[in-house]
Amino acid sequence: MSERNTEGQITVRQVTDVQASWTQQGRGEPGAFTIQLILDNGAEEYVLQPDAQDTKVQLELLKTSKSVYFDLERKVLIPSNITLGIE
């Protein structure tokens, strides 16, 4: 029982996998993006529904960060050790 309570108290988890998708909403209409975050190897999942511009930024952050965390309580994506592509 205490293990279950401990799991329920964890609000920040590591993003261990990401699945991005786009869905057509109607012919000739803008589509909808989703980014599914797999947290701590499947312990939790969370789906973001950003607009097109935010999707581009979020995917770039995920690509350029050595590790990313997600705060389930505050709904905050937390990239760390970002590698800047400045040459």
PDB file of N, CA and C in Angstrom:
ATOM      1  N   MET A   1       0.819  -1.188   0.000  1.00  0.00           N
ATOM      2  CA  MET A   1       0.000   0.000   0.000  1.00  0.00           C
ATOM      3  C   MET A   1       0.868   1.258   0.000  1.00  0.00           C
ATOM      4  N   SER A   2       1.977   1.290   0.782  1.00  0.00           N
ATOM      5  CA  SER A   2       2.824   2.481   0.828  1.00  0.00           C
ATOM      6  C   SER A   2       3.513   2.727  -0.514  1.00  0.00           C
ATOM      7  N   GLU A   3       3.823   1.655  -1.259  1.00  0.00           N
ATOM      8  CA  GLU A   3       4.425   1.826  -2.588  1.00  0.00           C
ATOM      9  C   GLU A   3       3.443   2.535  -3.518  1.00  0.00           C
ATOM     10  N   ARG A   4       2.182   2.183  -3.457  1.00  0.00           N
ATOM     11  CA  ARG A   4       1.162   2.823  -4.276  1.00  0.00           C
ATOM     12  C   ARG A   4       1.024   4.302  -3.908  1.00  0.00           C
ATOM     13  N   ASN A   5       1.080   4.633  -2.624  1.00  0.00           N
ATOM     14  CA  ASN A   5       1.008   6.025  -2.190  1.00  0.00           C
ATOM     15  C   ASN A   5       2.211   6.817  -2.678  1.00  0.00           C
ATOM     16  N   THR A   6       3.388   6.201  -2.633  1.00  0.00           N
ATOM     17  CA  THR A   6       4.600   6.861  -3.111  1.00  0.00           C
ATOM     18  C   THR A   6       4.493   7.143  -4.598  1.00  0.00           C
ATOM     19  N   GLU A   7       4.032   6.179  -5.385  1.00  0.00           N
ATOM     20  CA  GLU A   7       3.852   6.377  -6.825  1.00  0.00           C
ATOM     21  C   GLU A   7       2.888   7.521  -7.097  1.00  0.00           C
ATOM     22  N   GLY A   8       1.824   7.622  -6.315  1.00  0.00           N
ATOM     23  CA  GLY A   8       0.836   8.676  -6.507  1.00  0.00           C
ATOM     24  C   GLY A   8       1.358  10.056  -6.169  1.00  0.00           C
ATOM     25  N   GLN A   9       2.423  10.147  -5.388  1.00  0.00           N
ATOM     26  CA  GLN A   9       2.976  11.435  -4.988  1.00  0.00           C
ATOM     27  C   GLN A   9       4.006  11.966  -5.972  1.00  0.00           C
ATOM     28  N   ILE A  10       4.490  11.142  -6.870  1.00  0.00           N
ATOM     29  CA  ILE A  10       5.498  11.583  -7.832  1.00  0.00           C
ATOM     30  C   ILE A  10       4.826  12.486  -8.848  1.00  0.00           C
ATOM     31  N   THR A  11       5.308  13.728  -8.950  1.00  0.00           N
ATOM     32  CA  THR A  11       4.701  14.653  -9.900  1.00  0.00           C
ATOM     33  C   THR A  11       5.647  15.024 -11.034  1.00  0.00           C
ATOM     34  N   VAL A  12       6.942  14.776 -10.889  1.00  0.00           N
ATOM     35  CA  VAL A  12       7.899  15.065 -11.952  1.00  0.00           C
ATOM     36  C   VAL A  12       8.511  13.746 -12.404  1.00  0.00           C
ATOM     37  N   ARG A  13       8.367  13.465 -13.688  1.00  0.00           N
ATOM     38  CA  ARG A  13       8.875  12.207 -14.231  1.00  0.00           C
ATOM     39  C   ARG A  13       9.739  12.481 -15.454  1.00  0.00           C
ATOM     40  N   GLN A  14      10.651  11.575 -15.732  1.00  0.00           N
ATOM     41  CA  GLN A  14      11.516  11.710 -16.900  1.00  0.00           C
ATOM     42  C   GLN A  14      10.775  11.250 -18.145  1.00  0.00           C
ATOM     43  N   VAL A  15      10.926  12.030 -19.212  1.00  0.00           N
ATOM     44  CA  VAL A  15      10.368  11.651 -20.508  1.00  0.00           C
ATOM     45  C   VAL A  15      11.324  10.624 -21.114  1.00  0.00           C
ATOM     46  N   THR A  16      10.842   9.403 -21.316  1.00  0.00           N
ATOM     47  CA  THR A  16      11.708   8.346 -21.841  1.00  0.00           C
ATOM     48  C   THR A  16      11.389   7.989 -23.290  1.00  0.00           C
ATOM     49  N   ASP A  17      10.257   8.451 -23.794  1.00  0.00           N
ATOM     50  CA  ASP A  17       9.920   8.239 -25.206  1.00  0.00           C
ATOM     51  C   ASP A  17       8.879   9.273 -25.612  1.00  0.00           C
ATOM     52  N   VAL A  18       8.832   9.558 -26.899  1.00  0.00           N
ATOM     53  CA  VAL A  18       7.918  10.569 -27.430  1.00  0.00           C
ATOM     54  C   VAL A  18       7.300  10.049 -28.728  1.00  0.00           C
ATOM     55  N   GLN A  19       6.005  10.269 -28.898  1.00  0.00           N
ATOM     56  CA  GLN A  19       5.318   9.919 -30.138  1.00  0.00           C
ATOM     57  C   GLN A  19       4.556  11.153 -30.600  1.00  0.00           C
ATOM     58  N   ALA A  20       4.955  11.716 -31.729  1.00  0.00           N
ATOM     59  CA  ALA A  20       4.267  12.882 -32.282  1.00  0.00           C
ATOM     60  C   ALA A  20       3.359  12.429 -33.419  1.00  0.00           C
ATOM     61  N   SER A  21       2.183  13.057 -33.516  1.00  0.00           N
ATOM     62  CA  SER A  21       1.278  12.723 -34.611  1.00  0.00           C
ATOM     63  C   SER A  21       0.466  13.945 -35.024  1.00  0.00           C
ATOM     64  N   TRP A  22      -0.074  13.854 -36.228  1.00  0.00           N
ATOM     65  CA  TRP A  22      -0.926  14.896 -36.787  1.00  0.00           C
ATOM     66  C   TRP A  22      -2.182  14.227 -37.295  1.00  0.00           C
ATOM     67  N   THR A  23      -3.332  14.824 -37.022  1.00  0.00           N
ATOM     68  CA  THR A  23      -4.601  14.262 -37.446  1.00  0.00           C
ATOM     69  C   THR A  23      -5.360  15.277 -38.290  1.00  0.00           C
ATOM     70  N   GLN A  24      -5.844  14.830 -39.433  1.00  0.00           N
ATOM     71  CA  GLN A  24      -6.644  15.700 -40.287  1.00  0.00           C
ATOM     72  C   GLN A  24      -7.981  15.951 -39.605  1.00  0.00           C
ATOM     73  N   GLN A  25      -8.397  17.221 -39.526  1.00  0.00           N
ATOM     74  CA  GLN A  25      -9.666  17.570 -38.890  1.00  0.00           C
ATOM     75  C   GLN A  25     -10.802  17.637 -39.907  1.00  0.00           C
ATOM     76  N   GLY A  26     -10.482  17.968 -41.115  1.00  0.00           N
ATOM     77  CA  GLY A  26     -11.471  18.035 -42.191  1.00  0.00           C
ATOM     78  C   GLY A  26     -10.740  18.428 -43.460  1.00  0.00           C
ATOM     79  N   ARG A  27     -11.263  18.031 -44.569  1.00  0.00           N
ATOM     80  CA  ARG A  27     -10.587  18.322 -45.826  1.00  0.00           C
ATOM     81  C   ARG A  27     -10.435  19.821 -46.004  1.00  0.00           C
ATOM     82  N   GLY A  28      -9.168  20.269 -46.213  1.00  0.00           N
ATOM     83  CA  GLY A  28      -8.879  21.682 -46.407  1.00  0.00           C
ATOM     84  C   GLY A  28      -8.818  22.494 -45.117  1.00  0.00           C
ATOM     85  N   GLU A  29      -9.016  21.858 -43.971  1.00  0.00           N
ATOM     86  CA  GLU A  29      -8.969  22.553 -42.684  1.00  0.00           C
ATOM     87  C   GLU A  29      -7.653  22.246 -41.974  1.00  0.00           C
ATOM     88  N   PRO A  30      -7.265  23.104 -41.053  1.00  0.00           N
ATOM     89  CA  PRO A  30      -6.045  22.821 -40.281  1.00  0.00           C
ATOM     90  C   PRO A  30      -6.197  21.507 -39.509  1.00  0.00           C
ATOM     91  N   GLY A  31      -5.095  20.808 -39.358  1.00  0.00           N
ATOM     92  CA  GLY A  31      -5.099  19.566 -38.596  1.00  0.00           C
ATOM     93  C   GLY A  31      -4.781  19.813 -37.134  1.00  0.00           C
ATOM     94  N   ALA A  32      -4.687  18.741 -36.378  1.00  0.00           N
ATOM     95  CA  ALA A  32      -4.384  18.830 -34.947  1.00  0.00           C
ATOM     96  C   ALA A  32      -3.145  17.993 -34.644  1.00  0.00           C
ATOM     97  N   PHE A  33      -2.224  18.578 -33.907  1.00  0.00           N
ATOM     98  CA  PHE A  33      -1.013  17.875 -33.490  1.00  0.00           C
ATOM     99  C   PHE A  33      -1.195  17.338 -32.075  1.00  0.00           C
ATOM    100  N   THR A  34      -0.582  16.186 -31.815  1.00  0.00           N
ATOM    101  CA  THR A  34      -0.471  15.677 -30.456  1.00  0.00           C
ATOM    102  C   THR A  34       0.955  15.169 -30.254  1.00  0.00           C
ATOM    103  N   ILE A  35       1.435  15.338 -29.047  1.00  0.00           N
ATOM    104  CA  ILE A  35       2.734  14.789 -28.658  1.00  0.00           C
ATOM    105  C   ILE A  35       2.486  13.948 -27.414  1.00  0.00           C
ATOM    106  N   GLN A  36       2.659  12.642 -27.557  1.00  0.00           N
ATOM    107  CA  GLN A  36       2.466  11.732 -26.439  1.00  0.00           C
ATOM    108  C   GLN A  36       3.806  11.562 -25.731  1.00  0.00           C
ATOM    109  N   LEU A  37       3.819  11.859 -24.451  1.00  0.00           N
ATOM    110  CA  LEU A  37       5.018  11.695 -23.638  1.00  0.00           C
ATOM    111  C   LEU A  37       4.906  10.389 -22.861  1.00  0.00           C
ATOM    112  N   ILE A  38       5.883   9.515 -23.018  1.00  0.00           N
ATOM    113  CA  ILE A  38       5.980   8.303 -22.209  1.00  0.00           C
ATOM    114  C   ILE A  38       6.927   8.649 -21.073  1.00  0.00           C
ATOM    115  N   LEU A  39       6.454   8.507 -19.865  1.00  0.00           N
ATOM    116  CA  LEU A  39       7.211   8.954 -18.693  1.00  0.00           C
ATOM    117  C   LEU A  39       7.702   7.763 -17.881  1.00  0.00           C
ATOM    118  N   ASP A  40       8.964   7.829 -17.489  1.00  0.00           N
ATOM    119  CA  ASP A  40       9.585   6.768 -16.680  1.00  0.00           C
ATOM    120  C   ASP A  40       9.298   5.378 -17.234  1.00  0.00           C
ATOM    121  N   ASN A  41       9.599   5.196 -18.534  1.00  0.00           N
ATOM    122  CA  ASN A  41       9.460   3.896 -19.206  1.00  0.00           C
ATOM    123  C   ASN A  41       8.063   3.300 -19.088  1.00  0.00           C
ATOM    124  N   GLY A  42       7.050   4.157 -19.151  1.00  0.00           N
ATOM    125  CA  GLY A  42       5.678   3.669 -19.155  1.00  0.00           C
ATOM    126  C   GLY A  42       4.952   3.754 -17.835  1.00  0.00           C
ATOM    127  N   ALA A  43       5.586   4.283 -16.795  1.00  0.00           N
ATOM    128  CA  ALA A  43       4.911   4.423 -15.511  1.00  0.00           C
ATOM    129  C   ALA A  43       3.726   5.383 -15.623  1.00  0.00           C
ATOM    130  N   GLU A  44       3.853   6.369 -16.500  1.00  0.00           N
ATOM    131  CA  GLU A  44       2.789   7.344 -16.761  1.00  0.00           C
ATOM    132  C   GLU A  44       2.861   7.731 -18.230  1.00  0.00           C
ATOM    133  N   GLU A  45       1.790   8.277 -18.739  1.00  0.00           N
ATOM    134  CA  GLU A  45       1.754   8.867 -20.073  1.00  0.00           C
ATOM    135  C   GLU A  45       1.002  10.182 -19.970  1.00  0.00           C
ATOM    136  N   TYR A  46       1.347  11.114 -20.867  1.00  0.00           N
ATOM    137  CA  TYR A  46       0.639  12.383 -20.921  1.00  0.00           C
ATOM    138  C   TYR A  46       0.626  12.849 -22.367  1.00  0.00           C
ATOM    139  N   VAL A  47      -0.499  13.399 -22.813  1.00  0.00           N
ATOM    140  CA  VAL A  47      -0.624  13.854 -24.194  1.00  0.00           C
ATOM    141  C   VAL A  47      -0.730  15.372 -24.219  1.00  0.00           C
ATOM    142  N   LEU A  48       0.196  15.995 -24.947  1.00  0.00           N
ATOM    143  CA  LEU A  48       0.163  17.430 -25.181  1.00  0.00           C
ATOM    144  C   LEU A  48      -0.608  17.673 -26.471  1.00  0.00           C
ATOM    145  N   GLN A  49      -1.311  18.807 -26.564  1.00  0.00           N
ATOM    146  CA  GLN A  49      -2.049  19.152 -27.768  1.00  0.00           C
ATOM    147  C   GLN A  49      -1.677  20.571 -28.202  1.00  0.00           C
ATOM    148  N   PRO A  50      -0.425  20.757 -28.623  1.00  0.00           N
ATOM    149  CA  PRO A  50       0.039  22.095 -28.997  1.00  0.00           C
ATOM    150  C   PRO A  50      -0.439  22.511 -30.387  1.00  0.00           C
ATOM    151  N   ASP A  51      -0.402  23.832 -30.630  1.00  0.00           N
ATOM    152  CA  ASP A  51      -0.667  24.293 -31.992  1.00  0.00           C
ATOM    153  C   ASP A  51       0.587  24.024 -32.823  1.00  0.00           C
ATOM    154  N   ALA A  52       0.522  24.337 -34.122  1.00  0.00           N
ATOM    155  CA  ALA A  52       1.614  23.989 -35.039  1.00  0.00           C
ATOM    156  C   ALA A  52       2.939  24.621 -34.624  1.00  0.00           C
ATOM    157  N   GLN A  53       2.934  25.897 -34.262  1.00  0.00           N
ATOM    158  CA  GLN A  53       4.178  26.582 -33.880  1.00  0.00           C
ATOM    159  C   GLN A  53       4.767  25.997 -32.599  1.00  0.00           C
ATOM    160  N   ASP A  54       3.919  25.753 -31.594  1.00  0.00           N
ATOM    161  CA  ASP A  54       4.407  25.161 -30.347  1.00  0.00           C
ATOM    162  C   ASP A  54       4.900  23.737 -30.563  1.00  0.00           C
ATOM    163  N   THR A  55       4.275  22.998 -31.480  1.00  0.00           N
ATOM    164  CA  THR A  55       4.732  21.639 -31.782  1.00  0.00           C
ATOM    165  C   THR A  55       6.167  21.670 -32.298  1.00  0.00           C
ATOM    166  N   LYS A  56       6.434  22.594 -33.200  1.00  0.00           N
ATOM    167  CA  LYS A  56       7.789  22.725 -33.766  1.00  0.00           C
ATOM    168  C   LYS A  56       8.804  23.025 -32.662  1.00  0.00           C
ATOM    169  N   VAL A  57       8.490  23.948 -31.781  1.00  0.00           N
ATOM    170  CA  VAL A  57       9.392  24.324 -30.687  1.00  0.00           C
ATOM    171  C   VAL A  57       9.577  23.162 -29.710  1.00  0.00           C
ATOM    172  N   GLN A  58       8.483  22.505 -29.335  1.00  0.00           N
ATOM    173  CA  GLN A  58       8.581  21.402 -28.379  1.00  0.00           C
ATOM    174  C   GLN A  58       9.398  20.243 -28.938  1.00  0.00           C
ATOM    175  N   LEU A  59       9.191  19.912 -30.200  1.00  0.00           N
ATOM    176  CA  LEU A  59       9.973  18.822 -30.793  1.00  0.00           C
ATOM    177  C   LEU A  59      11.453  19.175 -30.875  1.00  0.00           C
ATOM    178  N   GLU A  60      11.765  20.429 -31.147  1.00  0.00           N
ATOM    179  CA  GLU A  60      13.169  20.864 -31.173  1.00  0.00           C
ATOM    180  C   GLU A  60      13.784  20.777 -29.779  1.00  0.00           C
ATOM    181  N   LEU A  61      13.044  21.189 -28.759  1.00  0.00           N
ATOM    182  CA  LEU A  61      13.534  21.063 -27.376  1.00  0.00           C
ATOM    183  C   LEU A  61      13.784  19.597 -27.022  1.00  0.00           C
ATOM    184  N   LEU A  62      12.861  18.737 -27.392  1.00  0.00           N
ATOM    185  CA  LEU A  62      13.023  17.316 -27.096  1.00  0.00           C
ATOM    186  C   LEU A  62      14.233  16.736 -27.820  1.00  0.00           C
ATOM    187  N   LYS A  63      14.471  17.195 -29.037  1.00  0.00           N
ATOM    188  CA  LYS A  63      15.589  16.691 -29.850  1.00  0.00           C
ATOM    189  C   LYS A  63      16.945  17.170 -29.330  1.00  0.00           C
ATOM    190  N   THR A  64      16.999  18.401 -28.840  1.00  0.00           N
ATOM    191  CA  THR A  64      18.285  18.992 -28.470  1.00  0.00           C
ATOM    192  C   THR A  64      18.621  18.864 -26.980  1.00  0.00           C
ATOM    193  N   SER A  65      17.752  18.246 -26.209  1.00  0.00           N
ATOM    194  CA  SER A  65      18.003  18.084 -24.775  1.00  0.00           C
ATOM    195  C   SER A  65      18.527  16.693 -24.475  1.00  0.00           C
ATOM    196  N   LYS A  66      19.500  16.629 -23.594  1.00  0.00           N
ATOM    197  CA  LYS A  66      20.027  15.318 -23.202  1.00  0.00           C
ATOM    198  C   LYS A  66      19.027  14.562 -22.354  1.00  0.00           C
ATOM    199  N   SER A  67      18.263  15.277 -21.545  1.00  0.00           N
ATOM    200  CA  SER A  67      17.187  14.664 -20.767  1.00  0.00           C
ATOM    201  C   SER A  67      16.064  15.679 -20.609  1.00  0.00           C
ATOM    202  N   VAL A  68      14.842  15.159 -20.533  1.00  0.00           N
ATOM    203  CA  VAL A  68      13.662  16.005 -20.404  1.00  0.00           C
ATOM    204  C   VAL A  68      12.782  15.418 -19.308  1.00  0.00           C
ATOM    205  N   TYR A  69      12.216  16.286 -18.515  1.00  0.00           N
ATOM    206  CA  TYR A  69      11.313  15.886 -17.450  1.00  0.00           C
ATOM    207  C   TYR A  69       9.970  16.565 -17.681  1.00  0.00           C
ATOM    208  N   PHE A  70       8.910  15.996 -17.110  1.00  0.00           N
ATOM    209  CA  PHE A  70       7.589  16.592 -17.219  1.00  0.00           C
ATOM    210  C   PHE A  70       6.963  16.627 -15.842  1.00  0.00           C
ATOM    211  N   ASP A  71       6.513  17.809 -15.446  1.00  0.00           N
ATOM    212  CA  ASP A  71       5.840  18.012 -14.159  1.00  0.00           C
ATOM    213  C   ASP A  71       4.347  17.799 -14.383  1.00  0.00           C
ATOM    214  N   LEU A  72       3.839  16.675 -13.916  1.00  0.00           N
ATOM    215  CA  LEU A  72       2.437  16.318 -14.122  1.00  0.00           C
ATOM    216  C   LEU A  72       1.482  17.265 -13.404  1.00  0.00           C
ATOM    217  N   GLU A  73       1.885  17.780 -12.275  1.00  0.00           N
ATOM    218  CA  GLU A  73       1.014  18.659 -11.502  1.00  0.00           C
ATOM    219  C   GLU A  73       0.861  20.025 -12.167  1.00  0.00           C
ATOM    220  N   ARG A  74       1.978  20.587 -12.613  1.00  0.00           N
ATOM    221  CA  ARG A  74       1.965  21.927 -13.191  1.00  0.00           C
ATOM    222  C   ARG A  74       1.879  21.928 -14.715  1.00  0.00           C
ATOM    223  N   LYS A  75       1.993  20.745 -15.328  1.00  0.00           N
ATOM    224  CA  LYS A  75       1.954  20.584 -16.797  1.00  0.00           C
ATOM    225  C   LYS A  75       3.083  21.370 -17.463  1.00  0.00           C
ATOM    226  N   VAL A  76       4.314  21.150 -16.960  1.00  0.00           N
ATOM    227  CA  VAL A  76       5.494  21.862 -17.453  1.00  0.00           C
ATOM    228  C   VAL A  76       6.489  20.865 -18.035  1.00  0.00           C
ATOM    229  N   LEU A  77       6.925  21.128 -19.271  1.00  0.00           N
ATOM    230  CA  LEU A  77       7.972  20.351 -19.919  1.00  0.00           C
ATOM    231  C   LEU A  77       9.300  20.972 -19.523  1.00  0.00           C
ATOM    232  N   ILE A  78      10.230  20.173 -18.975  1.00  0.00           N
ATOM    233  CA  ILE A  78      11.472  20.683 -18.410  1.00  0.00           C
ATOM    234  C   ILE A  78      12.670  20.047 -19.117  1.00  0.00           C
ATOM    235  N   PRO A  79      13.187  20.691 -20.162  1.00  0.00           N
ATOM    236  CA  PRO A  79      14.390  20.162 -20.826  1.00  0.00           C
ATOM    237  C   PRO A  79      15.625  20.520 -20.017  1.00  0.00           C
ATOM    238  N   SER A  80      16.635  19.665 -20.063  1.00  0.00           N
ATOM    239  CA  SER A  80      17.901  19.983 -19.380  1.00  0.00           C
ATOM    240  C   SER A  80      19.056  19.618 -20.285  1.00  0.00           C
ATOM    241  N   ASN A  81      20.181  20.266 -20.046  1.00  0.00           N
ATOM    242  CA  ASN A  81      21.387  20.036 -20.839  1.00  0.00           C
ATOM    243  C   ASN A  81      21.106  20.205 -22.339  1.00  0.00           C
ATOM    244  N   ILE A  82      20.561  21.352 -22.682  1.00  0.00           N
ATOM    245  CA  ILE A  82      20.226  21.636 -24.072  1.00  0.00           C
ATOM    246  C   ILE A  82      21.483  21.854 -24.886  1.00  0.00           C
ATOM    247  N   THR A  83      21.571  21.152 -26.022  1.00  0.00           N
ATOM    248  CA  THR A  83      22.689  21.313 -26.942  1.00  0.00           C
ATOM    249  C   THR A  83      22.287  22.338 -27.991  1.00  0.00           C
ATOM    250  N   LEU A  84      22.960  23.464 -27.992  1.00  0.00           N
ATOM    251  CA  LEU A  84      22.658  24.499 -28.977  1.00  0.00           C
ATOM    252  C   LEU A  84      23.355  24.175 -30.279  1.00  0.00           C
ATOM    253  N   GLY A  85      22.646  24.315 -31.371  1.00  0.00           N
ATOM    254  CA  GLY A  85      23.185  24.013 -32.683  1.00  0.00           C
ATOM    255  C   GLY A  85      23.890  25.224 -33.309  1.00  0.00           C
ATOM    256  N   ILE A  86      24.565  26.019 -32.487  1.00  0.00           N
ATOM    257  CA  ILE A  86      25.251  27.203 -32.978  1.00  0.00           C
ATOM    258  C   ILE A  86      26.616  26.788 -33.501  1.00  0.00           C
ATOM    259  N   GLU A  87      26.908  27.183 -34.725  1.00  0.00           N
ATOM    260  CA  GLU A  87      28.203  26.817 -35.316  1.00  0.00           C
ATOM    261  C   GLU A  87      29.030  28.040 -35.547  1.00  0.00           C
TER     262      GLU A  87
END
